C-alpha atoms as a PDB file:
ATOM      1  CA  CYS A   1      64.210 -24.445   8.780  1.00  0.00           C
ATOM      2  CA  PHE A   2      63.806 -21.621   6.309  1.00  0.00           C
ATOM      3  CA  VAL A   3      62.381 -24.031   3.703  1.00  0.00           C
ATOM      4  CA  MET A   4      59.995 -25.603   6.202  1.00  0.00           C
ATOM      5  CA  LYS A   5      58.877 -22.152   7.343  1.00  0.00           C
ATOM      6  CA  ASN A   6      58.050 -21.151   3.745  1.00  0.00           C
ATOM      7  CA  ILE A   7      56.131 -24.408   3.202  1.00  0.00           C
ATOM      8  CA  CYS A   8      54.108 -23.827   6.362  1.00  0.00           C
ATOM      9  CA  CYS A   9      53.348 -20.242   5.321  1.00  0.00           C
ATOM     10  CA  SER A  10      52.226 -21.409   1.879  1.00  0.00           C
ATOM     11  CA  ILE A  11      49.926 -24.020   3.373  1.00  0.00           C
ATOM     12  CA  MET A  12      48.367 -21.466   5.744  1.00  0.00           C
ATOM     13  CA  THR A  13      47.921 -19.002   2.873  1.00  0.00           C
ATOM     14  CA  PHE A  14      46.142 -21.686   0.793  1.00  0.00           C
ATOM     15  CA  ILE A  15      43.817 -22.556   3.656  1.00  0.00           C
ATOM     16  CA  ILE A  16      42.909 -18.907   4.249  1.00  0.00           C
ATOM     17  CA  VAL A  17      42.267 -18.265   0.549  1.00  0.00           C
ATOM     18  CA  ALA A  18      40.207 -21.477   0.227  1.00  0.00           C
ATOM     19  CA  ASN A  19      38.091 -20.524   3.216  1.00  0.00           C
ATOM     20  CA  PHE A  20      37.553 -17.044   1.798  1.00  0.00           C
ATOM     21  CA  LEU A  21      36.446 -18.424  -1.539  1.00  0.00           C
ATOM     22  CA  SER A  22      34.063 -20.903   0.079  1.00  0.00           C
ATOM     23  CA  CYS A  23      32.445 -18.043   1.997  1.00  0.00           C
ATOM     24  CA  THR A  24      32.131 -15.734  -0.988  1.00  0.00           C
ATOM     25  CA  THR A  25      31.187 -18.179  -3.753  1.00  0.00           C
ATOM     26  CA  THR A  26      27.652 -17.481  -4.965  1.00  0.00           C
ATOM     27  CA  ASP A  27      25.374 -20.487  -4.448  1.00  0.00           C
ATOM     28  CA  TYR A  28      22.673 -19.935  -7.043  1.00  0.00           C
ATOM     29  CA  PRO A  29      19.431 -21.924  -6.684  1.00  0.00           C
ATOM     30  CA  PRO A  30      18.949 -25.073  -8.794  1.00  0.00           C
ATOM     31  CA  GLU A  31      17.309 -25.372 -12.197  1.00  0.00           C
ATOM     32  CA  SER A  32      13.606 -26.170 -12.481  1.00  0.00           C
ATOM     33  CA  GLU A  33      11.250 -26.998 -15.328  1.00  0.00           C
ATOM     34  CA  ILE A  34       7.587 -26.959 -16.210  1.00  0.00           C
ATOM     35  CA  THR A  35       6.496 -30.581 -16.375  1.00  0.00           C
ATOM     36  CA  SER A  36       2.955 -30.052 -17.688  1.00  0.00           C
ATOM     37  CA  ILE A  37       0.399 -27.458 -18.751  1.00  0.00           C
ATOM     38  CA  ASP A  38      -3.040 -29.061 -18.515  1.00  0.00           C
ATOM     39  CA  TYR A  39      -6.765 -28.332 -18.375  1.00  0.00           C
ATOM     40  CA  VAL A  40      -6.530 -25.132 -20.391  1.00  0.00           C
ATOM     41  CA  THR A  41      -9.914 -23.385 -20.650  1.00  0.00           C
ATOM     42  CA  HIS A  42     -10.870 -19.860 -21.696  1.00  0.00           C
ATOM     43  CA  ASN A  43      -9.875 -18.474 -18.287  1.00  0.00           C
ATOM     44  CA  THR A  44      -8.025 -21.124 -16.222  1.00  0.00           C
ATOM     45  CA  VAL A  45      -5.073 -23.511 -16.468  1.00  0.00           C
ATOM     46  CA  ILE A  46      -3.201 -25.963 -14.233  1.00  0.00           C
ATOM     47  CA  ILE A  47       0.632 -25.855 -14.391  1.00  0.00           C
ATOM     48  CA  LEU A  48       3.025 -28.346 -12.774  1.00  0.00           C
ATOM     49  CA  SER A  49       6.679 -27.509 -12.131  1.00  0.00           C
ATOM     50  CA  ALA A  50       9.588 -29.355 -10.482  1.00  0.00           C
ATOM     51  CA  VAL A  51      13.213 -28.765  -9.466  1.00  0.00           C
ATOM     52  CA  THR A  52      15.491 -30.767 -11.792  1.00  0.00           C
ATOM     53  CA  GLU A  53      18.935 -30.380 -10.162  1.00  0.00           C
ATOM     54  CA  GLU A  54      20.250 -31.718  -6.888  1.00  0.00           C
ATOM     55  CA  PRO A  55      18.755 -29.153  -4.522  1.00  0.00           C
ATOM     56  CA  THR A  56      21.112 -26.652  -3.009  1.00  0.00           C
ATOM     57  CA  TYR A  57      19.675 -24.018  -0.723  1.00  0.00           C
ATOM     58  CA  TYR A  58      16.689 -22.198  -2.146  1.00  0.00           C
ATOM     59  CA  GLY A  59      13.925 -20.417  -0.343  1.00  0.00           C
ATOM     60  CA  ILE A  60      11.258 -20.037  -3.007  1.00  0.00           C
ATOM     61  CA  LYS A  61      10.138 -21.902  -6.103  1.00  0.00           C
ATOM     62  CA  GLY A  62       7.226 -21.212  -8.425  1.00  0.00           C
ATOM     63  CA  VAL A  63       6.300 -19.938 -11.876  1.00  0.00           C
ATOM     64  CA  VAL A  64       5.805 -16.522 -13.418  1.00  0.00           C
ATOM     65  CA  TYR A  65       3.732 -15.620 -16.451  1.00  0.00           C
ATOM     66  CA  SER A  66       2.900 -12.649 -18.661  1.00  0.00           C
ATOM     67  CA  LEU A  67       1.701 -11.665 -22.110  1.00  0.00           C
ATOM     68  CA  SER A  68       5.298 -11.104 -23.215  1.00  0.00           C
ATOM     69  CA  PRO A  69       8.221 -13.549 -23.531  1.00  0.00           C
ATOM     70  CA  GLU A  70      10.708 -14.031 -20.691  1.00  0.00           C
ATOM     71  CA  PRO A  71       8.458 -13.167 -17.739  1.00  0.00           C
ATOM     72  CA  THR A  72      10.130 -12.385 -14.411  1.00  0.00           C
ATOM     73  CA  ILE A  73       9.020 -12.086 -10.794  1.00  0.00           C
ATOM     74  CA  GLU A  74       8.118  -8.494 -11.659  1.00  0.00           C
ATOM     75  CA  ASP A  75       5.220  -9.976 -13.660  1.00  0.00           C
ATOM     76  CA  ILE A  76       2.477 -12.258 -12.293  1.00  0.00           C
ATOM     77  CA  VAL A  77       3.455 -14.828  -9.660  1.00  0.00           C
ATOM     78  CA  PRO A  78       0.453 -17.071  -8.907  1.00  0.00           C
ATOM     79  CA  GLU A  79       0.005 -18.964  -5.663  1.00  0.00           C
ATOM     80  CA  HIS A  80       0.882 -22.650  -5.579  1.00  0.00           C
ATOM     81  CA  HIS A  81       1.182 -25.628  -3.293  1.00  0.00           C
ATOM     82  CA  GLU A  82       3.696 -28.449  -3.209  1.00  0.00           C
ATOM     83  CA  ILE A  83       3.059 -32.097  -4.103  1.00  0.00           C
ATOM     84  CA  GLY A  84       6.275 -33.797  -3.023  1.00  0.00           C
ATOM     85  CA  ASP A  85       9.039 -32.476  -5.290  1.00  0.00           C
ATOM     86  CA  THR A  86       6.453 -30.962  -7.645  1.00  0.00           C
ATOM     87  CA  ILE A  87       4.438 -27.784  -7.274  1.00  0.00           C
ATOM     88  CA  ARG A  88       0.909 -27.374  -8.638  1.00  0.00           C
ATOM     89  CA  ILE A  89      -0.007 -23.902  -9.843  1.00  0.00           C
ATOM     90  CA  PRO A  90      -3.716 -23.280 -10.571  1.00  0.00           C
ATOM     91  CA  VAL A  91      -4.163 -20.038 -12.517  1.00  0.00           C
ATOM     92  CA  SER A  92      -7.485 -18.240 -12.998  1.00  0.00           C
ATOM     93  CA  GLY A  93      -8.673 -14.879 -14.302  1.00  0.00           C
ATOM     94  CA  LEU A  94      -7.086 -15.337 -17.733  1.00  0.00           C
ATOM     95  CA  GLU A  95      -8.412 -13.768 -20.930  1.00  0.00           C
ATOM     96  CA  PRO A  96      -9.939 -15.933 -23.700  1.00  0.00           C
ATOM     97  CA  ASN A  97      -8.008 -16.692 -26.887  1.00  0.00           C
ATOM     98  CA  THR A  98      -4.804 -15.225 -25.461  1.00  0.00           C
ATOM     99  CA  THR A  99      -1.241 -16.542 -25.498  1.00  0.00           C
ATOM    100  CA  TYR A 100       0.661 -16.486 -22.205  1.00  0.00           C
ATOM    101  CA  PHE A 101       4.368 -17.082 -21.604  1.00  0.00           C
ATOM    102  CA  VAL A 102       5.385 -18.923 -18.455  1.00  0.00           C
ATOM    103  CA  ARG A 103       8.717 -19.765 -16.785  1.00  0.00           C
ATOM    104  CA  PRO A 104       9.575 -21.710 -13.628  1.00  0.00           C
ATOM    105  CA  TYR A 105      11.986 -20.184 -11.133  1.00  0.00           C
ATOM    106  CA  THR A 106      13.837 -20.875  -7.905  1.00  0.00           C
ATOM    107  CA  GLN A 107      15.146 -18.132  -5.648  1.00  0.00           C
ATOM    108  CA  ASN A 108      17.486 -17.715  -2.688  1.00  0.00           C
ATOM    109  CA  ILE A 109      19.518 -14.905  -1.147  1.00  0.00           C
ATOM    110  CA  ASP A 110      22.094 -15.154  -3.955  1.00  0.00           C
ATOM    111  CA  GLY A 111      19.681 -14.703  -6.848  1.00  0.00           C
ATOM    112  CA  ILE A 112      17.041 -16.214  -9.099  1.00  0.00           C
ATOM    113  CA  THR A 113      17.330 -19.075 -11.584  1.00  0.00           C
ATOM    114  CA  TYR A 114      14.700 -19.180 -14.350  1.00  0.00           C
ATOM    115  CA  GLY A 115      13.933 -22.377 -16.225  1.00  0.00           C
ATOM    116  CA  GLU A 116      13.007 -22.896 -19.852  1.00  0.00           C
ATOM    117  CA  GLU A 117      10.077 -20.823 -21.062  1.00  0.00           C
ATOM    118  CA  ARG A 118       6.878 -22.396 -22.352  1.00  0.00           C
ATOM    119  CA  SER A 119       3.629 -20.923 -23.612  1.00  0.00           C
ATOM    120  CA  PHE A 120      -0.051 -21.784 -23.870  1.00  0.00           C
ATOM    121  CA  THR A 121      -3.122 -20.234 -25.495  1.00  0.00           C
ATOM    122  CA  THR A 122      -6.483 -20.084 -23.752  1.00  0.00           C
ATOM    123  CA  ASP A 123      -9.616 -21.314 -25.518  1.00  0.00           C
ATOM    124  CA  ALA A 124     -11.514 -19.017 -27.837  1.00  0.00           C
ATOM    125  CA  VAL A 125     -15.144 -18.442 -26.838  1.00  0.00           C
ATOM    126  CA  ASN A 126     -18.012 -16.248 -27.959  1.00  0.00           C
ATOM    127  CA  ILE A 127     -18.498 -13.008 -26.037  1.00  0.00           C
ATOM    128  CA  PHE A 128     -22.027 -11.817 -25.255  1.00  0.00           C
ATOM    129  CA  THR A 129     -22.754  -8.137 -24.563  1.00  0.00           C
ATOM    130  CA  ASP A 130     -25.749  -7.278 -22.401  1.00  0.00           C
ATOM    131  CA  VAL A 131     -27.328  -4.323 -24.226  1.00  0.00           C
ATOM    132  CA  ARG A 132     -28.937  -3.118 -21.000  1.00  0.00           C
ATOM    133  CA  ASP A 133     -25.648  -2.019 -19.461  1.00  0.00           C
ATOM    134  CA  GLY A 134     -22.870  -2.959 -21.916  1.00  0.00           C
ATOM    135  CA  LYS A 135     -21.331  -5.607 -19.648  1.00  0.00           C
ATOM    136  CA  THR A 136     -19.842  -8.663 -21.332  1.00  0.00           C
ATOM    137  CA  TYR A 137     -19.950 -12.385 -20.528  1.00  0.00           C
ATOM    138  CA  THR A 138     -18.302 -15.420 -22.041  1.00  0.00           C
ATOM    139  CA  GLU A 139     -20.426 -18.183 -23.573  1.00  0.00           C
ATOM    140  CA  ILE A 140     -19.445 -21.676 -22.421  1.00  0.00           C
ATOM    141  CA  GLU A 141     -20.613 -24.697 -24.393  1.00  0.00           C
ATOM    142  CA  ILE A 142     -21.095 -27.826 -22.300  1.00  0.00           C
ATOM    143  CA  TYR A 143     -22.413 -30.486 -24.646  1.00  0.00           C
ATOM    144  CA  ASP A 144     -25.767 -29.195 -25.953  1.00  0.00           C
ATOM    145  CA  GLN A 145     -26.048 -26.311 -23.466  1.00  0.00           C
ATOM    146  CA  VAL A 146     -24.592 -22.800 -23.542  1.00  0.00           C
ATOM    147  CA  TRP A 147     -23.998 -21.227 -20.140  1.00  0.00           C
ATOM    148  CA  MET A 148     -22.603 -17.861 -19.184  1.00  0.00           C
ATOM    149  CA  GLY A 149     -19.072 -18.249 -17.875  1.00  0.00           C
ATOM    150  CA  GLU A 150     -19.548 -15.612 -15.165  1.00  0.00           C
ATOM    151  CA  ASN A 151     -22.084 -14.676 -12.504  1.00  0.00           C
ATOM    152  CA  MET A 152     -24.545 -11.980 -13.546  1.00  0.00           C
ATOM    153  CA  ARG A 153     -23.574  -8.376 -12.794  1.00  0.00           C
ATOM    154  CA  TYR A 154     -26.774  -6.644 -13.935  1.00  0.00           C
ATOM    155  CA  GLU A 155     -27.695  -4.039 -11.355  1.00  0.00           C
ATOM    156  CA  ILE A 156     -31.327  -3.759 -10.264  1.00  0.00           C
ATOM    157  CA  GLU A 157     -31.781  -0.697  -8.100  1.00  0.00           C
ATOM    158  CA  GLY A 158     -32.583  -1.650  -4.537  1.00  0.00           C
ATOM    159  CA  MET A 159     -32.708  -5.355  -5.445  1.00  0.00           C
ATOM    160  CA  SER A 160     -29.095  -6.392  -6.024  1.00  0.00           C
ATOM    161  CA  LEU A 161     -26.223  -6.496  -3.579  1.00  0.00           C
ATOM    162  CA  PRO A 162     -22.438  -6.614  -4.053  1.00  0.00           C
ATOM    163  CA  VAL A 163     -20.488  -9.550  -2.653  1.00  0.00           C
ATOM    164  CA  LYS A 164     -18.981  -9.114   0.796  1.00  0.00           C
ATOM    165  CA  ASN A 165     -16.777 -11.189   3.059  1.00  0.00           C
ATOM    166  CA  HIS A 166     -18.776 -10.700   6.254  1.00  0.00           C
ATOM    167  CA  GLN A 167     -19.123  -6.892   6.049  1.00  0.00           C
ATOM    168  CA  GLU A 168     -16.047  -6.216   3.904  1.00  0.00           C
ATOM    169  CA  LEU A 169     -16.919  -5.195   0.358  1.00  0.00           C
ATOM    170  CA  LEU A 170     -15.021  -7.215  -2.271  1.00  0.00           C
ATOM    171  CA  ASP A 171     -13.978  -5.229  -5.343  1.00  0.00           C
ATOM    172  CA  ASP A 172     -14.031  -8.060  -7.880  1.00  0.00           C
ATOM    173  CA  GLU A 173     -16.609  -7.935 -10.649  1.00  0.00           C
ATOM    174  CA  ARG A 174     -16.086 -11.614 -11.510  1.00  0.00           C
ATOM    175  CA  LEU A 175     -18.067 -12.482  -8.386  1.00  0.00           C
ATOM    176  CA  GLY A 176     -21.131 -10.767  -9.830  1.00  0.00           C
ATOM    177  CA  LEU A 177     -24.029  -9.433  -7.779  1.00  0.00           C
ATOM    178  CA  LEU A 178     -26.445 -11.207  -5.445  1.00  0.00           C
ATOM    179  CA  TYR A 179     -30.240 -11.173  -5.955  1.00  0.00           C
ATOM    180  CA  PRO A 180     -33.357 -12.058  -3.959  1.00  0.00           C
ATOM    181  CA  ILE A 181     -35.955 -14.524  -5.211  1.00  0.00           C
ATOM    182  CA  GLU A 182     -38.315 -11.676  -6.173  1.00  0.00           C
ATOM    183  CA  VAL A 183     -36.153 -10.582  -9.112  1.00  0.00           C
ATOM    184  CA  CYS A 184     -34.050 -13.640  -9.950  1.00  0.00           C
ATOM    185  CA  GLU A 185     -36.092 -14.354 -13.090  1.00  0.00           C
ATOM    186  CA  ASP A 186     -35.632 -10.768 -14.315  1.00  0.00           C
ATOM    187  CA  VAL A 187     -31.844 -10.770 -14.166  1.00  0.00           C
ATOM    188  CA  CYS A 188     -31.003 -12.673 -17.363  1.00  0.00           C
ATOM    189  CA  PRO A 189     -30.982 -10.665 -20.618  1.00  0.00           C
ATOM    190  CA  SER A 190     -33.121 -11.372 -23.678  1.00  0.00           C
ATOM    191  CA  GLY A 191     -32.190 -14.690 -25.298  1.00  0.00           C
ATOM    192  CA  TRP A 192     -31.143 -16.144 -21.948  1.00  0.00           C
ATOM    193  CA  HIS A 193     -33.056 -17.443 -18.948  1.00  0.00           C
ATOM    194  CA  LEU A 194     -32.691 -18.457 -15.329  1.00  0.00           C
ATOM    195  CA  PRO A 195     -31.881 -22.180 -15.483  1.00  0.00           C
ATOM    196  CA  THR A 196     -34.609 -24.598 -14.528  1.00  0.00           C
ATOM    197  CA  ASP A 197     -34.062 -27.584 -12.295  1.00  0.00           C
ATOM    198  CA  GLN A 198     -33.956 -29.682 -15.465  1.00  0.00           C
ATOM    199  CA  ASP A 199     -31.265 -27.422 -16.943  1.00  0.00           C
ATOM    200  CA  TRP A 200     -29.102 -28.092 -13.890  1.00  0.00           C
ATOM    201  CA  ASN A 201     -29.900 -31.810 -14.128  1.00  0.00           C
ATOM    202  CA  THR A 202     -28.688 -31.802 -17.722  1.00  0.00           C
ATOM    203  CA  LEU A 203     -25.443 -30.080 -16.703  1.00  0.00           C
ATOM    204  CA  GLU A 204     -24.911 -32.584 -13.906  1.00  0.00           C
ATOM    205  CA  SER A 205     -25.443 -35.474 -16.310  1.00  0.00           C
ATOM    206  CA  ALA A 206     -22.943 -33.900 -18.714  1.00  0.00           C
ATOM    207  CA  ILE A 207     -20.241 -33.887 -16.026  1.00  0.00           C
ATOM    208  CA  SER A 208     -20.822 -37.628 -15.437  1.00  0.00           C
ATOM    209  CA  MET A 209     -23.065 -37.573 -12.390  1.00  0.00           C
ATOM    210  CA  PRO A 210     -25.005 -40.873 -12.204  1.00  0.00           C
ATOM    211  CA  PRO A 211     -28.744 -40.625 -13.052  1.00  0.00           C
ATOM    212  CA  GLY A 212     -29.831 -41.715  -9.571  1.00  0.00           C
ATOM    213  CA  LEU A 213     -27.989 -38.763  -8.038  1.00  0.00           C
ATOM    214  CA  VAL A 214     -29.125 -36.220 -10.617  1.00  0.00           C
ATOM    215  CA  ASP A 215     -32.766 -36.619  -9.597  1.00  0.00           C
ATOM    216  CA  SER A 216     -32.065 -36.780  -5.873  1.00  0.00           C
ATOM    217  CA  ASN A 217     -33.187 -33.972  -3.595  1.00  0.00           C
ATOM    218  CA  SER A 218     -30.751 -32.638  -0.982  1.00  0.00           C
ATOM    219  CA  LEU A 219     -28.063 -34.139  -3.178  1.00  0.00           C
ATOM    220  CA  GLN A 220     -24.495 -34.313  -1.955  1.00  0.00           C
ATOM    221  CA  ALA A 221     -22.061 -35.729  -4.469  1.00  0.00           C
ATOM    222  CA  THR A 222     -18.443 -35.121  -5.384  1.00  0.00           C
ATOM    223  CA  TYR A 223     -18.860 -34.141  -9.030  1.00  0.00           C
ATOM    224  CA  ALA A 224     -17.941 -30.454  -9.007  1.00  0.00           C
ATOM    225  CA  TYR A 225     -14.214 -30.889  -9.740  1.00  0.00           C
ATOM    226  CA  SER A 226     -14.743 -30.098 -13.397  1.00  0.00           C
ATOM    227  CA  ILE A 227     -16.823 -26.907 -13.005  1.00  0.00           C
ATOM    228  CA  ARG A 228     -15.232 -25.124 -10.015  1.00  0.00           C
ATOM    229  CA  GLU A 229     -12.589 -22.417 -10.314  1.00  0.00           C
ATOM    230  CA  PRO A 230      -9.249 -23.984  -9.284  1.00  0.00           C
ATOM    231  CA  GLY A 231      -6.948 -22.448  -6.717  1.00  0.00           C
ATOM    232  CA  LYS A 232      -7.525 -20.019  -3.866  1.00  0.00           C
ATOM    233  CA  ARG A 233      -8.011 -16.793  -5.738  1.00  0.00           C
ATOM    234  CA  HIS A 234     -11.575 -16.726  -4.416  1.00  0.00           C
ATOM    235  CA  TRP A 235     -12.069 -20.082  -2.709  1.00  0.00           C
ATOM    236  CA  SER A 236     -10.799 -20.768   0.792  1.00  0.00           C
ATOM    237  CA  TYR A 237      -9.628 -24.268  -0.132  1.00  0.00           C
ATOM    238  CA  ASP A 238      -8.289 -26.232  -3.079  1.00  0.00           C
ATOM    239  CA  ASN A 239      -7.238 -29.765  -3.923  1.00  0.00           C
ATOM    240  CA  ASP A 240      -5.328 -31.485  -6.701  1.00  0.00           C
ATOM    241  CA  SER A 241      -8.433 -32.856  -8.456  1.00  0.00           C
ATOM    242  CA  ILE A 242     -10.100 -29.505  -9.208  1.00  0.00           C
ATOM    243  CA  THR A 243      -9.674 -28.727 -12.925  1.00  0.00           C
ATOM    244  CA  ASN A 244     -12.588 -26.560 -14.203  1.00  0.00           C
ATOM    245  CA  ILE A 245     -12.143 -28.457 -17.469  1.00  0.00           C
ATOM    246  CA  TYR A 246     -15.595 -27.395 -18.709  1.00  0.00           C
ATOM    247  CA  GLY A 247     -14.867 -23.721 -18.045  1.00  0.00           C
ATOM    248  CA  PHE A 248     -17.980 -23.143 -15.915  1.00  0.00           C
ATOM    249  CA  THR A 249     -15.800 -21.525 -13.227  1.00  0.00           C
ATOM    250  CA  ALA A 250     -18.176 -21.694 -10.257  1.00  0.00           C
ATOM    251  CA  LEU A 251     -17.301 -18.973  -7.735  1.00  0.00           C
ATOM    252  CA  PRO A 252     -17.894 -18.823  -3.963  1.00  0.00           C
ATOM    253  CA  ALA A 253     -19.881 -15.591  -3.758  1.00  0.00           C
ATOM    254  CA  GLY A 254     -21.787 -16.928  -0.745  1.00  0.00           C
ATOM    255  CA  LEU A 255     -25.170 -15.483   0.197  1.00  0.00           C
ATOM    256  CA  CYS A 256     -26.288 -12.292   1.914  1.00  0.00           C
ATOM    257  CA  ASP A 257     -29.152 -11.544   4.211  1.00  0.00           C
ATOM    258  CA  ALA A 258     -31.243  -8.414   3.722  1.00  0.00           C
ATOM    259  CA  ASN A 259     -28.684  -6.406   5.694  1.00  0.00           C
ATOM    260  CA  GLY A 260     -25.882  -7.415   3.327  1.00  0.00           C
ATOM    261  CA  TYR A 261     -24.080  -9.680   5.804  1.00  0.00           C
ATOM    262  CA  ASN A 262     -22.299 -12.611   4.136  1.00  0.00           C
ATOM    263  CA  ASP A 263     -20.624 -15.373   6.148  1.00  0.00           C
ATOM    264  CA  ARG A 264     -20.349 -17.937   3.324  1.00  0.00           C
ATOM    265  CA  TYR A 265     -17.975 -16.176   0.932  1.00  0.00           C
ATOM    266  CA  GLY A 266     -15.019 -18.371  -0.013  1.00  0.00           C
ATOM    267  CA  TYR A 267     -16.807 -21.596   0.877  1.00  0.00           C
ATOM    268  CA  TYR A 268     -20.001 -21.809  -1.194  1.00  0.00           C
ATOM    269  CA  GLY A 269     -21.460 -20.629  -4.465  1.00  0.00           C
ATOM    270  CA  TYR A 270     -25.262 -20.415  -4.373  1.00  0.00           C
ATOM    271  CA  TYR A 271     -27.231 -20.261  -7.638  1.00  0.00           C
ATOM    272  CA  TRP A 272     -30.925 -19.577  -8.119  1.00  0.00           C
ATOM    273  CA  THR A 273     -33.004 -22.020 -10.141  1.00  0.00           C
ATOM    274  CA  ALA A 274     -36.304 -21.047 -11.806  1.00  0.00           C
ATOM    275  CA  PRO A 275     -39.191 -21.654  -9.354  1.00  0.00           C
ATOM    276  CA  GLU A 276     -40.962 -24.979  -9.741  1.00  0.00           C
ATOM    277  CA  ASN A 277     -44.222 -23.295  -8.697  1.00  0.00           C
ATOM    278  CA  ASP A 278     -45.335 -20.475  -6.408  1.00  0.00           C
ATOM    279  CA  SER A 279     -44.205 -22.253  -3.269  1.00  0.00           C
ATOM    280  CA  ILE A 280     -41.177 -24.409  -4.176  1.00  0.00           C
ATOM    281  CA  TYR A 281     -37.803 -23.021  -5.201  1.00  0.00           C
ATOM    282  CA  HIS A 282     -34.666 -25.003  -5.933  1.00  0.00           C
ATOM    283  CA  ASN A 283     -31.146 -23.712  -5.938  1.00  0.00           C
ATOM    284  CA  ARG A 284     -27.766 -25.301  -6.448  1.00  0.00           C
ATOM    285  CA  ILE A 285     -24.956 -24.959  -3.940  1.00  0.00           C
ATOM    286  CA  ILE A 286     -21.400 -25.674  -5.026  1.00  0.00           C
ATOM    287  CA  GLY A 287     -18.996 -25.919  -2.132  1.00  0.00           C
ATOM    288  CA  LYS A 288     -17.406 -28.217   0.402  1.00  0.00           C
ATOM    289  CA  TYR A 289     -19.157 -30.293   3.015  1.00  0.00           C
ATOM    290  CA  ASN A 290     -17.061 -31.697   5.874  1.00  0.00           C
ATOM    291  CA  ASN A 291     -14.002 -32.181   3.634  1.00  0.00           C
ATOM    292  CA  GLN A 292     -11.935 -30.510   0.916  1.00  0.00           C
ATOM    293  CA  ASN A 293     -13.924 -31.977  -1.986  1.00  0.00           C
ATOM    294  CA  PRO A 294     -16.093 -29.649  -4.099  1.00  0.00           C
ATOM    295  CA  GLN A 295     -19.659 -30.907  -4.185  1.00  0.00           C
ATOM    296  CA  ILE A 296     -22.977 -30.017  -5.808  1.00  0.00           C
ATOM    297  CA  TYR A 297     -25.921 -29.776  -3.451  1.00  0.00           C
ATOM    298  CA  ARG A 298     -29.520 -29.563  -4.689  1.00  0.00           C
ATOM    299  CA  HIS A 299     -31.393 -27.547  -2.119  1.00  0.00           C
ATOM    300  CA  THR A 300     -35.150 -26.963  -2.010  1.00  0.00           C
ATOM    301  CA  ARG A 301     -36.508 -23.775  -0.485  1.00  0.00           C
ATOM    302  CA  TYR A 302     -40.151 -23.200   0.428  1.00  0.00           C
ATOM    303  CA  SER A 303     -41.939 -19.859   0.380  1.00  0.00           C
ATOM    304  CA  SER A 304     -43.639 -20.784   3.658  1.00  0.00           C
ATOM    305  CA  SER A 305     -40.282 -20.685   5.452  1.00  0.00           C
ATOM    306  CA  ASN A 306     -37.676 -18.001   5.966  1.00  0.00           C
ATOM    307  CA  ASN A 307     -34.987 -19.803   3.975  1.00  0.00           C
ATOM    308  CA  ILE A 308     -35.809 -17.932   0.761  1.00  0.00           C
ATOM    309  CA  ASN A 309     -35.053 -14.517   2.237  1.00  0.00           C
ATOM    310  CA  TYR A 310     -31.501 -14.408   0.950  1.00  0.00           C
ATOM    311  CA  TYR A 311     -29.569 -12.806  -1.883  1.00  0.00           C
ATOM    312  CA  ILE A 312     -27.602 -15.288  -4.002  1.00  0.00           C
ATOM    313  CA  SER A 313     -25.939 -15.537  -7.432  1.00  0.00           C
ATOM    314  CA  VAL A 314     -27.534 -15.945 -10.849  1.00  0.00           C
ATOM    315  CA  ARG A 315     -25.886 -17.838 -13.707  1.00  0.00           C
ATOM    316  CA  CYS A 316     -27.829 -17.662 -16.980  1.00  0.00           C
ATOM    317  CA  ILE A 317     -28.285 -20.301 -19.681  1.00  0.00           C
ATOM    318  CA  LYS A 318     -29.000 -19.572 -23.338  1.00  0.00           C
ATOM    319  CA  ASP A 319     -32.421 -20.203 -24.827  1.00  0.00           C
ATOM    320  CA  ASN A 320     -32.617 -23.127 -27.240  1.00  0.00           C
END
């Protein structure tokens, strides 16, 4: 009986210890890896990451990046969305000709697991300085054209408005300023000009829009994937096909009325085009129409109507 009693006590002790260990063992999240770094431009990149181990419990997965090796969640953690077992991370607002270090991570209540570090270098581009105010803009070559990579930020007293979301002022200079038709041709600095309708047609041809659509008025076509900023840093929507591979980085600054009210921010980028004559004005709209696909819309405005009384963005193109 004494022997059996000791055996029973030993078994009970083992069970108690085993249960204690199972409750206190740290269950770190699984390993992950960066599977691709694609569509690198001067200011954007698309990163894909995936969990590589049999998933245990983890609450968060993503990537982190910085200018220094071994970034952590104390550095920059961009937004992402999941595609099955993979996550897609569109990153914008990067600096040209700059090397960034990036690591994937998974996280749960027990800690963080970082994956293998990788790096990428953004494209080098020319930088133009506007001598009128000292503000700088990147120069983006798209075939035989050179466009500014940002919306104009040149302030014209009483004739330029900041970008708002409804009435909320947005403190982000990348969005530029908004201008009325009266001054849109005066915004671009010397050596640059407000793009003509033909300049836009040439850009649209360069991004593979068919000729029949390029010359079409009130055009709606899904060809803006390659020139729209990816992600939701400014836009209200995103999809997996948006790459900004040409670096144009169209932004959804919307349009304002004379009172500064803007109800299109996040959905549409409006861009003035040089007037065809004294009564006909074209502009391009880059945004979504009835779906999540970015589209280019060629819109004609007439001076005889009220649809020119808005403030919208200006993107300049370099003189030949």
